[in-house]
PDB file of N, CA and C in Angstrom:
ATOM      1  N   MET A   1      94.367 150.227  62.600  1.00  0.00           N
ATOM      2  CA  MET A   1      94.499 149.465  61.372  1.00  0.00           C
ATOM      3  C   MET A   1      93.977 150.304  60.211  1.00  0.00           C
ATOM      4  N   SER A   2      94.513 150.107  59.036  1.00  0.00           N
ATOM      5  CA  SER A   2      94.104 150.873  57.870  1.00  0.00           C
ATOM      6  C   SER A   2      92.798 150.326  57.297  1.00  0.00           C
ATOM      7  N   LEU A   3      92.161 151.140  56.467  1.00  0.00           N
ATOM      8  CA  LEU A   3      90.921 150.725  55.820  1.00  0.00           C
ATOM      9  C   LEU A   3      91.153 149.493  54.957  1.00  0.00           C
ATOM     10  N   ILE A   4      92.267 149.457  54.240  1.00  0.00           N
ATOM     11  CA  ILE A   4      92.579 148.304  53.388  1.00  0.00           C
ATOM     12  C   ILE A   4      92.784 147.061  54.242  1.00  0.00           C
ATOM     13  N   GLY A   5      93.478 147.204  55.361  1.00  0.00           N
ATOM     14  CA  GLY A   5      93.664 146.067  56.265  1.00  0.00           C
ATOM     15  C   GLY A   5      92.340 145.557  56.804  1.00  0.00           C
ATOM     16  N   ASP A   6      91.436 146.490  57.158  1.00  0.00           N
ATOM     17  CA  ASP A   6      90.107 146.099  57.637  1.00  0.00           C
ATOM     18  C   ASP A   6      89.331 145.360  56.555  1.00  0.00           C
ATOM     19  N   MET A   7      89.438 145.837  55.304  1.00  0.00           N
ATOM     20  CA  MET A   7      88.725 145.182  54.206  1.00  0.00           C
ATOM     21  C   MET A   7      89.268 143.784  53.962  1.00  0.00           C
ATOM     22  N   LYS A   8      90.585 143.613  54.062  1.00  0.00           N
ATOM     23  CA  LYS A   8      91.171 142.287  53.864  1.00  0.00           C
ATOM     24  C   LYS A   8      90.690 141.324  54.943  1.00  0.00           C
ATOM     25  N   THR A   9      90.646 141.804  56.178  1.00  0.00           N
ATOM     26  CA  THR A   9      90.174 140.956  57.272  1.00  0.00           C
ATOM     27  C   THR A   9      88.714 140.587  57.059  1.00  0.00           C
ATOM     28  N   ALA A  10      87.899 141.564  56.683  1.00  0.00           N
ATOM     29  CA  ALA A  10      86.483 141.292  56.441  1.00  0.00           C
ATOM     30  C   ALA A  10      86.322 140.310  55.293  1.00  0.00           C
ATOM     31  N   SER A  11      87.093 140.504  54.244  1.00  0.00           N
ATOM     32  CA  SER A  11      87.016 139.608  53.096  1.00  0.00           C
ATOM     33  C   SER A  11      87.402 138.195  53.494  1.00  0.00           C
ATOM     34  N   THR A  12      88.464 138.067  54.286  1.00  0.00           N
ATOM     35  CA  THR A  12      88.902 136.750  54.729  1.00  0.00           C
ATOM     36  C   THR A  12      87.826 136.102  55.595  1.00  0.00           C
ATOM     37  N   THR A  13      87.246 136.866  56.503  1.00  0.00           N
ATOM     38  CA  THR A  13      86.183 136.345  57.358  1.00  0.00           C
ATOM     39  C   THR A  13      84.979 135.944  56.526  1.00  0.00           C
ATOM     40  N   ASP A  14      84.587 136.807  55.597  1.00  0.00           N
ATOM     41  CA  ASP A  14      83.463 136.482  54.717  1.00  0.00           C
ATOM     42  C   ASP A  14      83.744 135.222  53.914  1.00  0.00           C
ATOM     43  N   ASP A  15      84.962 135.095  53.413  1.00  0.00           N
ATOM     44  CA  ASP A  15      85.329 133.906  52.643  1.00  0.00           C
ATOM     45  C   ASP A  15      85.190 132.641  53.481  1.00  0.00           C
ATOM     46  N   LEU A  16      85.632 132.707  54.736  1.00  0.00           N
ATOM     47  CA  LEU A  16      85.523 131.542  55.622  1.00  0.00           C
ATOM     48  C   LEU A  16      84.062 131.172  55.866  1.00  0.00           C
ATOM     49  N   VAL A  17      83.225 132.175  56.075  1.00  0.00           N
ATOM     50  CA  VAL A  17      81.804 131.916  56.325  1.00  0.00           C
ATOM     51  C   VAL A  17      81.149 131.314  55.088  1.00  0.00           C
ATOM     52  N   TRP A  18      81.380 131.921  53.920  1.00  0.00           N
ATOM     53  CA  TRP A  18      80.763 131.398  52.693  1.00  0.00           C
ATOM     54  C   TRP A  18      81.274 130.000  52.371  1.00  0.00           C
ATOM     55  N   ARG A  19      82.545 129.768  52.618  1.00  0.00           N
ATOM     56  CA  ARG A  19      83.099 128.429  52.385  1.00  0.00           C
ATOM     57  C   ARG A  19      82.425 127.416  53.310  1.00  0.00           C
ATOM     58  N   ALA A  20      82.253 127.797  54.562  1.00  0.00           N
ATOM     59  CA  ALA A  20      81.620 126.894  55.528  1.00  0.00           C
ATOM     60  C   ALA A  20      80.175 126.600  55.137  1.00  0.00           C
ATOM     61  N   LEU A  21      79.456 127.615  54.680  1.00  0.00           N
ATOM     62  CA  LEU A  21      78.045 127.446  54.340  1.00  0.00           C
ATOM     63  C   LEU A  21      77.823 126.826  52.966  1.00  0.00           C
ATOM     64  N   SER A  22      78.869 126.734  52.169  1.00  0.00           N
ATOM     65  CA  SER A  22      78.713 126.210  50.809  1.00  0.00           C
ATOM     66  C   SER A  22      78.502 124.703  50.772  1.00  0.00           C
ATOM     67  N   ASP A  23      78.830 124.019  51.845  1.00  0.00           N
ATOM     68  CA  ASP A  23      78.722 122.561  51.862  1.00  0.00           C
ATOM     69  C   ASP A  23      77.398 122.129  52.497  1.00  0.00           C
ATOM     70  N   PRO A  24      76.606 121.321  51.793  1.00  0.00           N
ATOM     71  CA  PRO A  24      75.312 120.879  52.337  1.00  0.00           C
ATOM     72  C   PRO A  24      75.436 120.114  53.657  1.00  0.00           C
ATOM     73  N   ALA A  25      76.496 119.344  53.825  1.00  0.00           N
ATOM     74  CA  ALA A  25      76.676 118.584  55.072  1.00  0.00           C
ATOM     75  C   ALA A  25      76.851 119.536  56.250  1.00  0.00           C
ATOM     76  N   ARG A  26      77.589 120.622  56.050  1.00  0.00           N
ATOM     77  CA  ARG A  26      77.788 121.586  57.138  1.00  0.00           C
ATOM     78  C   ARG A  26      76.493 122.340  57.438  1.00  0.00           C
ATOM     79  N   ARG A  27      75.709 122.646  56.417  1.00  0.00           N
ATOM     80  CA  ARG A  27      74.417 123.300  56.663  1.00  0.00           C
ATOM     81  C   ARG A  27      73.490 122.375  57.442  1.00  0.00           C
ATOM     82  N   ARG A  28      73.509 121.080  57.113  1.00  0.00           N
ATOM     83  CA  ARG A  28      72.698 120.112  57.870  1.00  0.00           C
ATOM     84  C   ARG A  28      73.167 120.046  59.322  1.00  0.00           C
ATOM     85  N   MET A  29      74.481 120.087  59.515  1.00  0.00           N
ATOM     86  CA  MET A  29      75.014 120.056  60.877  1.00  0.00           C
ATOM     87  C   MET A  29      74.527 121.272  61.668  1.00  0.00           C
ATOM     88  N   LEU A  30      74.527 122.444  61.057  1.00  0.00           N
ATOM     89  CA  LEU A  30      74.053 123.649  61.745  1.00  0.00           C
ATOM     90  C   LEU A  30      72.585 123.515  62.142  1.00  0.00           C
ATOM     91  N   ASP A  31      71.804 122.844  61.315  1.00  0.00           N
ATOM     92  CA  ASP A  31      70.385 122.637  61.623  1.00  0.00           C
ATOM     93  C   ASP A  31      70.173 121.762  62.857  1.00  0.00           C
ATOM     94  N   LEU A  32      71.167 120.993  63.256  1.00  0.00           N
ATOM     95  CA  LEU A  32      71.033 120.095  64.402  1.00  0.00           C
ATOM     96  C   LEU A  32      71.040 120.830  65.739  1.00  0.00           C
ATOM     97  N   TRP A  33      71.464 122.084  65.744  1.00  0.00           N
ATOM     98  CA  TRP A  33      71.561 122.842  66.994  1.00  0.00           C
ATOM     99  C   TRP A  33      70.256 123.557  67.309  1.00  0.00           C
ATOM    100  N   THR A  34      69.157 122.835  67.370  1.00  0.00           N
ATOM    101  CA  THR A  34      67.875 123.479  67.655  1.00  0.00           C
ATOM    102  C   THR A  34      67.606 123.596  69.145  1.00  0.00           C
ATOM    103  N   ASP A  35      68.310 122.810  69.957  1.00  0.00           N
ATOM    104  CA  ASP A  35      68.013 122.804  71.389  1.00  0.00           C
ATOM    105  C   ASP A  35      69.254 123.011  72.254  1.00  0.00           C
ATOM    106  N   GLY A  36      70.096 123.943  71.874  1.00  0.00           N
ATOM    107  CA  GLY A  36      71.238 124.300  72.711  1.00  0.00           C
ATOM    108  C   GLY A  36      72.520 123.560  72.393  1.00  0.00           C
ATOM    109  N   ALA A  37      73.435 123.596  73.355  1.00  0.00           N
ATOM    110  CA  ALA A  37      74.775 123.042  73.179  1.00  0.00           C
ATOM    111  C   ALA A  37      74.734 121.529  73.005  1.00  0.00           C
ATOM    112  N   LYS A  38      75.656 121.038  72.204  1.00  0.00           N
ATOM    113  CA  LYS A  38      75.798 119.601  71.971  1.00  0.00           C
ATOM    114  C   LYS A  38      77.277 119.251  72.003  1.00  0.00           C
ATOM    115  N   THR A  39      77.559 118.000  72.298  1.00  0.00           N
ATOM    116  CA  THR A  39      78.944 117.538  72.242  1.00  0.00           C
ATOM    117  C   THR A  39      79.298 117.237  70.794  1.00  0.00           C
ATOM    118  N   THR A  40      80.594 117.155  70.523  1.00  0.00           N
ATOM    119  CA  THR A  40      81.018 116.805  69.167  1.00  0.00           C
ATOM    120  C   THR A  40      80.466 115.438  68.787  1.00  0.00           C
ATOM    121  N   GLY A  41      80.463 114.510  69.727  1.00  0.00           N
ATOM    122  CA  GLY A  41      79.936 113.169  69.455  1.00  0.00           C
ATOM    123  C   GLY A  41      78.468 113.187  69.076  1.00  0.00           C
ATOM    124  N   GLN A  42      77.669 114.003  69.765  1.00  0.00           N
ATOM    125  CA  GLN A  42      76.245 114.100  69.450  1.00  0.00           C
ATOM    126  C   GLN A  42      76.023 114.644  68.045  1.00  0.00           C
ATOM    127  N   ILE A  43      76.766 115.671  67.687  1.00  0.00           N
ATOM    128  CA  ILE A  43      76.603 116.269  66.360  1.00  0.00           C
ATOM    129  C   ILE A  43      76.992 115.276  65.276  1.00  0.00           C
ATOM    130  N   VAL A  44      78.144 114.643  65.424  1.00  0.00           N
ATOM    131  CA  VAL A  44      78.613 113.698  64.404  1.00  0.00           C
ATOM    132  C   VAL A  44      77.654 112.514  64.308  1.00  0.00           C
ATOM    133  N   GLU A  45      77.157 112.045  65.440  1.00  0.00           N
ATOM    134  CA  GLU A  45      76.223 110.914  65.450  1.00  0.00           C
ATOM    135  C   GLU A  45      74.924 111.261  64.724  1.00  0.00           C
ATOM    136  N   GLN A  46      74.444 112.482  64.903  1.00  0.00           N
ATOM    137  CA  GLN A  46      73.186 112.905  64.292  1.00  0.00           C
ATOM    138  C   GLN A  46      73.343 113.321  62.834  1.00  0.00           C
ATOM    139  N   ALA A  47      74.560 113.580  62.398  1.00  0.00           N
ATOM    140  CA  ALA A  47      74.810 113.993  61.013  1.00  0.00           C
ATOM    141  C   ALA A  47      74.825 112.747  60.133  1.00  0.00           C
ATOM    142  N   ASN A  48      73.676 112.374  59.662  1.00  0.00           N
ATOM    143  CA  ASN A  48      73.521 111.144  58.887  1.00  0.00           C
ATOM    144  C   ASN A  48      74.478 111.071  57.706  1.00  0.00           C
ATOM    145  N   GLY A  49      75.088 109.915  57.555  1.00  0.00           N
ATOM    146  CA  GLY A  49      75.937 109.667  56.401  1.00  0.00           C
ATOM    147  C   GLY A  49      77.371 110.123  56.544  1.00  0.00           C
ATOM    148  N   LEU A  50      77.733 110.686  57.690  1.00  0.00           N
ATOM    149  CA  LEU A  50      79.111 111.138  57.877  1.00  0.00           C
ATOM    150  C   LEU A  50      79.830 110.235  58.867  1.00  0.00           C
ATOM    151  N   CYS A  51      81.031 109.845  58.507  1.00  0.00           N
ATOM    152  CA  CYS A  51      81.850 109.118  59.476  1.00  0.00           C
ATOM    153  C   CYS A  51      82.404 110.143  60.474  1.00  0.00           C
ATOM    154  N   ARG A  52      82.930 109.668  61.570  1.00  0.00           N
ATOM    155  CA  ARG A  52      83.436 110.565  62.620  1.00  0.00           C
ATOM    156  C   ARG A  52      84.521 111.500  62.086  1.00  0.00           C
ATOM    157  N   THR A  53      85.435 110.965  61.284  1.00  0.00           N
ATOM    158  CA  THR A  53      86.532 111.788  60.756  1.00  0.00           C
ATOM    159  C   THR A  53      86.000 112.918  59.890  1.00  0.00           C
ATOM    160  N   ALA A  54      85.087 112.610  58.983  1.00  0.00           N
ATOM    161  CA  ALA A  54      84.512 113.643  58.114  1.00  0.00           C
ATOM    162  C   ALA A  54      83.723 114.654  58.939  1.00  0.00           C
ATOM    163  N   GLY A  55      82.966 114.161  59.911  1.00  0.00           N
ATOM    164  CA  GLY A  55      82.194 115.055  60.768  1.00  0.00           C
ATOM    165  C   GLY A  55      83.076 116.027  61.524  1.00  0.00           C
ATOM    166  N   MET A  56      84.191 115.536  62.045  1.00  0.00           N
ATOM    167  CA  MET A  56      85.113 116.397  62.785  1.00  0.00           C
ATOM    168  C   MET A  56      85.732 117.450  61.864  1.00  0.00           C
ATOM    169  N   LYS A  57      86.062 117.063  60.643  1.00  0.00           N
ATOM    170  CA  LYS A  57      86.630 118.035  59.694  1.00  0.00           C
ATOM    171  C   LYS A  57      85.608 119.128  59.377  1.00  0.00           C
ATOM    172  N   HIS A  58      84.344 118.742  59.196  1.00  0.00           N
ATOM    173  CA  HIS A  58      83.300 119.738  58.950  1.00  0.00           C
ATOM    174  C   HIS A  58      83.135 120.663  60.154  1.00  0.00           C
ATOM    175  N   LEU A  59      83.182 120.109  61.352  1.00  0.00           N
ATOM    176  CA  LEU A  59      83.087 120.945  62.554  1.00  0.00           C
ATOM    177  C   LEU A  59      84.246 121.932  62.640  1.00  0.00           C
ATOM    178  N   GLU A  60      85.444 121.496  62.262  1.00  0.00           N
ATOM    179  CA  GLU A  60      86.610 122.393  62.270  1.00  0.00           C
ATOM    180  C   GLU A  60      86.391 123.581  61.347  1.00  0.00           C
ATOM    181  N   VAL A  61      85.788 123.344  60.178  1.00  0.00           N
ATOM    182  CA  VAL A  61      85.515 124.432  59.232  1.00  0.00           C
ATOM    183  C   VAL A  61      84.500 125.404  59.839  1.00  0.00           C
ATOM    184  N   LEU A  62      83.466 124.881  60.485  1.00  0.00           N
ATOM    185  CA  LEU A  62      82.453 125.740  61.115  1.00  0.00           C
ATOM    186  C   LEU A  62      83.052 126.571  62.247  1.00  0.00           C
ATOM    187  N   VAL A  63      83.945 125.981  63.015  1.00  0.00           N
ATOM    188  CA  VAL A  63      84.613 126.708  64.103  1.00  0.00           C
ATOM    189  C   VAL A  63      85.544 127.778  63.525  1.00  0.00           C
ATOM    190  N   ALA A  64      86.308 127.439  62.489  1.00  0.00           N
ATOM    191  CA  ALA A  64      87.234 128.396  61.868  1.00  0.00           C
ATOM    192  C   ALA A  64      86.485 129.598  61.302  1.00  0.00           C
ATOM    193  N   ALA A  65      85.263 129.373  60.811  1.00  0.00           N
ATOM    194  CA  ALA A  65      84.451 130.462  60.266  1.00  0.00           C
ATOM    195  C   ALA A  65      83.737 131.235  61.373  1.00  0.00           C
ATOM    196  N   ASP A  66      83.950 130.828  62.620  1.00  0.00           N
ATOM    197  CA  ASP A  66      83.350 131.471  63.788  1.00  0.00           C
ATOM    198  C   ASP A  66      81.826 131.358  63.788  1.00  0.00           C
ATOM    199  N   LEU A  67      81.312 130.300  63.175  1.00  0.00           N
ATOM    200  CA  LEU A  67      79.877 130.034  63.188  1.00  0.00           C
ATOM    201  C   LEU A  67      79.485 129.183  64.390  1.00  0.00           C
ATOM    202  N   VAL A  68      80.460 128.450  64.913  1.00  0.00           N
ATOM    203  CA  VAL A  68      80.241 127.560  66.047  1.00  0.00           C
ATOM    204  C   VAL A  68      81.274 127.882  67.117  1.00  0.00           C
ATOM    205  N   VAL A  69      80.827 127.907  68.359  1.00  0.00           N
ATOM    206  CA  VAL A  69      81.698 128.197  69.495  1.00  0.00           C
ATOM    207  C   VAL A  69      81.933 126.904  70.271  1.00  0.00           C
ATOM    208  N   VAL A  70      83.192 126.654  70.631  1.00  0.00           N
ATOM    209  CA  VAL A  70      83.558 125.460  71.396  1.00  0.00           C
ATOM    210  C   VAL A  70      83.821 125.865  72.839  1.00  0.00           C
ATOM    211  N   ARG A  71      83.218 125.139  73.753  1.00  0.00           N
ATOM    212  CA  ARG A  71      83.436 125.357  75.177  1.00  0.00           C
ATOM    213  C   ARG A  71      83.830 124.016  75.792  1.00  0.00           C
ATOM    214  N   ARG A  72      84.961 123.979  76.445  1.00  0.00           N
ATOM    215  CA  ARG A  72      85.432 122.737  77.067  1.00  0.00           C
ATOM    216  C   ARG A  72      84.836 122.587  78.458  1.00  0.00           C
ATOM    217  N   GLU A  73      84.326 121.392  78.723  1.00  0.00           N
ATOM    218  CA  GLU A  73      83.803 121.044  80.044  1.00  0.00           C
ATOM    219  C   GLU A  73      84.406 119.704  80.421  1.00  0.00           C
ATOM    220  N   GLN A  74      85.387 119.745  81.284  1.00  0.00           N
ATOM    221  CA  GLN A  74      86.134 118.555  81.695  1.00  0.00           C
ATOM    222  C   GLN A  74      86.691 117.863  80.447  1.00  0.00           C
ATOM    223  N   SER A  75      86.258 116.661  80.158  1.00  0.00           N
ATOM    224  CA  SER A  75      86.810 115.949  79.001  1.00  0.00           C
ATOM    225  C   SER A  75      85.942 116.108  77.756  1.00  0.00           C
ATOM    226  N   LEU A  76      84.861 116.879  77.854  1.00  0.00           N
ATOM    227  CA  LEU A  76      83.947 117.063  76.724  1.00  0.00           C
ATOM    228  C   LEU A  76      84.132 118.427  76.081  1.00  0.00           C
ATOM    229  N   GLN A  77      83.781 118.487  74.809  1.00  0.00           N
ATOM    230  CA  GLN A  77      83.690 119.761  74.113  1.00  0.00           C
ATOM    231  C   GLN A  77      82.218 119.994  73.813  1.00  0.00           C
ATOM    232  N   ARG A  78      81.689 121.108  74.268  1.00  0.00           N
ATOM    233  CA  ARG A  78      80.307 121.470  73.959  1.00  0.00           C
ATOM    234  C   ARG A  78      80.343 122.562  72.898  1.00  0.00           C
ATOM    235  N   LEU A  79      79.537 122.386  71.878  1.00  0.00           N
ATOM    236  CA  LEU A  79      79.502 123.333  70.777  1.00  0.00           C
ATOM    237  C   LEU A  79      78.142 124.004  70.711  1.00  0.00           C
ATOM    238  N   THR A  80      78.157 125.295  70.420  1.00  0.00           N
ATOM    239  CA  THR A  80      76.924 126.044  70.217  1.00  0.00           C
ATOM    240  C   THR A  80      77.078 126.894  68.966  1.00  0.00           C
ATOM    241  N   VAL A  81      75.956 127.210  68.348  1.00  0.00           N
ATOM    242  CA  VAL A  81      75.970 128.075  67.171  1.00  0.00           C
ATOM    243  C   VAL A  81      76.059 129.507  67.652  1.00  0.00           C
ATOM    244  N   ARG A  82      76.952 130.261  67.034  1.00  0.00           N
ATOM    245  CA  ARG A  82      77.079 131.687  67.373  1.00  0.00           C
ATOM    246  C   ARG A  82      75.867 132.407  66.792  1.00  0.00           C
ATOM    247  N   ARG A  83      75.253 133.213  67.597  1.00  0.00           N
ATOM    248  CA  ARG A  83      74.048 133.946  67.153  1.00  0.00           C
ATOM    249  C   ARG A  83      74.368 135.404  66.951  1.00  0.00           C
TER     250      ARG A  83
END
């Protein structure tokens, strides 16, 4: 890949991360991962003031920015913060 292509990819990745971190609700959600993997339901339930739909949309942004990793276990999704 060319240097310009690498810079565009980095810029896009950086943009996704900054966009994800720019929202206070998403930063609060990230703070909830103090003790390992959690299900989507646990995160949304603990994210005070967010309905399930809004919580899921915020989780999608965190996953798209590669800040959160999703692992499927049977019918559950377990999420962890990428370190």
